[in-house]
C-alpha atoms as a PDB file:
ATOM      1  CA  UNK A   1       0.000   0.000   0.000  1.00  0.00           C
ATOM      2  CA  UNK A   2       1.061   3.560  -0.472  1.00  0.00           C
ATOM      3  CA  UNK A   3       0.211   6.696   1.383  1.00  0.00           C
ATOM      4  CA  UNK A   4      -2.689   8.316  -0.502  1.00  0.00           C
ATOM      5  CA  UNK A   5      -3.474  11.988  -0.136  1.00  0.00           C
ATOM      6  CA  UNK A   6      -6.822  13.689  -0.570  1.00  0.00           C
ATOM      7  CA  UNK A   7      -5.335  15.706  -3.410  1.00  0.00           C
ATOM      8  CA  UNK A   8      -4.309  12.510  -5.217  1.00  0.00           C
ATOM      9  CA  UNK A   9      -7.856  11.162  -4.881  1.00  0.00           C
ATOM     10  CA  UNK A  10      -9.282  14.440  -6.200  1.00  0.00           C
ATOM     11  CA  UNK A  11      -6.866  14.390  -9.131  1.00  0.00           C
ATOM     12  CA  UNK A  12      -7.649  10.748  -9.867  1.00  0.00           C
ATOM     13  CA  UNK A  13     -11.393  11.351 -10.088  1.00  0.00           C
ATOM     14  CA  UNK A  14     -10.969  14.689 -11.854  1.00  0.00           C
ATOM     15  CA  UNK A  15     -12.564  16.856  -9.168  1.00  0.00           C
ATOM     16  CA  UNK A  16     -11.514  19.933  -7.278  1.00  0.00           C
ATOM     17  CA  UNK A  17     -10.406  19.021  -3.747  1.00  0.00           C
ATOM     18  CA  UNK A  18     -12.978  21.278  -2.061  1.00  0.00           C
ATOM     19  CA  UNK A  19     -15.794  19.933  -4.245  1.00  0.00           C
ATOM     20  CA  UNK A  20     -14.752  16.370  -3.421  1.00  0.00           C
ATOM     21  CA  UNK A  21     -14.836  17.297   0.272  1.00  0.00           C
ATOM     22  CA  UNK A  22     -18.362  18.696  -0.075  1.00  0.00           C
ATOM     23  CA  UNK A  23     -19.546  15.539  -1.834  1.00  0.00           C
ATOM     24  CA  UNK A  24     -18.071  13.321   0.880  1.00  0.00           C
ATOM     25  CA  UNK A  25     -19.786  15.379   3.588  1.00  0.00           C
ATOM     26  CA  UNK A  26     -23.088  15.354   1.708  1.00  0.00           C
ATOM     27  CA  UNK A  27     -23.168  11.649   0.830  1.00  0.00           C
ATOM     28  CA  UNK A  28     -21.097   9.973   3.549  1.00  0.00           C
ATOM     29  CA  UNK A  29     -21.335  12.422   6.416  1.00  0.00           C
ATOM     30  CA  UNK A  30     -17.580  12.623   6.871  1.00  0.00           C
ATOM     31  CA  UNK A  31     -14.616  14.369   5.313  1.00  0.00           C
ATOM     32  CA  UNK A  32     -12.454  12.825   2.635  1.00  0.00           C
ATOM     33  CA  UNK A  33      -9.511  12.705   5.050  1.00  0.00           C
ATOM     34  CA  UNK A  34     -11.604  11.007   7.730  1.00  0.00           C
ATOM     35  CA  UNK A  35     -12.808   8.446   5.186  1.00  0.00           C
ATOM     36  CA  UNK A  36      -9.241   7.637   4.124  1.00  0.00           C
ATOM     37  CA  UNK A  37      -8.170   7.258   7.760  1.00  0.00           C
ATOM     38  CA  UNK A  38     -11.078   4.882   8.399  1.00  0.00           C
ATOM     39  CA  UNK A  39     -10.020   2.752   5.422  1.00  0.00           C
ATOM     40  CA  UNK A  40      -6.456   2.611   6.771  1.00  0.00           C
ATOM     41  CA  UNK A  41      -7.713   1.604  10.223  1.00  0.00           C
ATOM     42  CA  UNK A  42      -9.982  -1.052   8.732  1.00  0.00           C
ATOM     43  CA  UNK A  43      -7.149  -2.522   6.663  1.00  0.00           C
ATOM     44  CA  UNK A  44      -4.886  -2.424   9.723  1.00  0.00           C
ATOM     45  CA  UNK A  45      -7.428  -4.314  11.808  1.00  0.00           C
ATOM     46  CA  UNK A  46      -7.739  -6.987   9.118  1.00  0.00           C
ATOM     47  CA  UNK A  47      -3.970  -7.404   8.979  1.00  0.00           C
ATOM     48  CA  UNK A  48      -3.825  -7.694  12.767  1.00  0.00           C
ATOM     49  CA  UNK A  49      -6.491 -10.405  12.745  1.00  0.00           C
ATOM     50  CA  UNK A  50      -5.410 -12.341   9.675  1.00  0.00           C
ATOM     51  CA  UNK A  51      -1.621 -12.204   9.701  1.00  0.00           C
ATOM     52  CA  UNK A  52       1.232 -12.665  12.103  1.00  0.00           C
ATOM     53  CA  UNK A  53       2.807  -9.348  11.119  1.00  0.00           C
ATOM     54  CA  UNK A  54       4.027  -7.092  13.896  1.00  0.00           C
ATOM     55  CA  UNK A  55       2.319  -3.791  14.594  1.00  0.00           C
ATOM     56  CA  UNK A  56       5.345  -1.990  13.149  1.00  0.00           C
ATOM     57  CA  UNK A  57       5.127  -4.021   9.928  1.00  0.00           C
ATOM     58  CA  UNK A  58       1.408  -3.350   9.626  1.00  0.00           C
ATOM     59  CA  UNK A  59       1.913   0.365  10.254  1.00  0.00           C
ATOM     60  CA  UNK A  60       4.518   0.391   7.491  1.00  0.00           C
ATOM     61  CA  UNK A  61       2.211  -1.481   5.104  1.00  0.00           C
ATOM     62  CA  UNK A  62      -0.687   0.916   5.581  1.00  0.00           C
ATOM     63  CA  UNK A  63       1.406   4.059   5.299  1.00  0.00           C
ATOM     64  CA  UNK A  64       1.973   5.108   8.883  1.00  0.00           C
END
């Protein structure tokens, strides 16, 4: 995995960063940044449950 920024997401989908933020708030009830952090935490929890990787290795894999 690589560290993904909100700006990279906005660029990828061809939207202005502030417009993307407004759409996330409107449709998901949370900011783009918060959504990305939740995905990272979810992936981290899966790796903790399903692998024998150390916390440091998992943190490295998810971009922390």
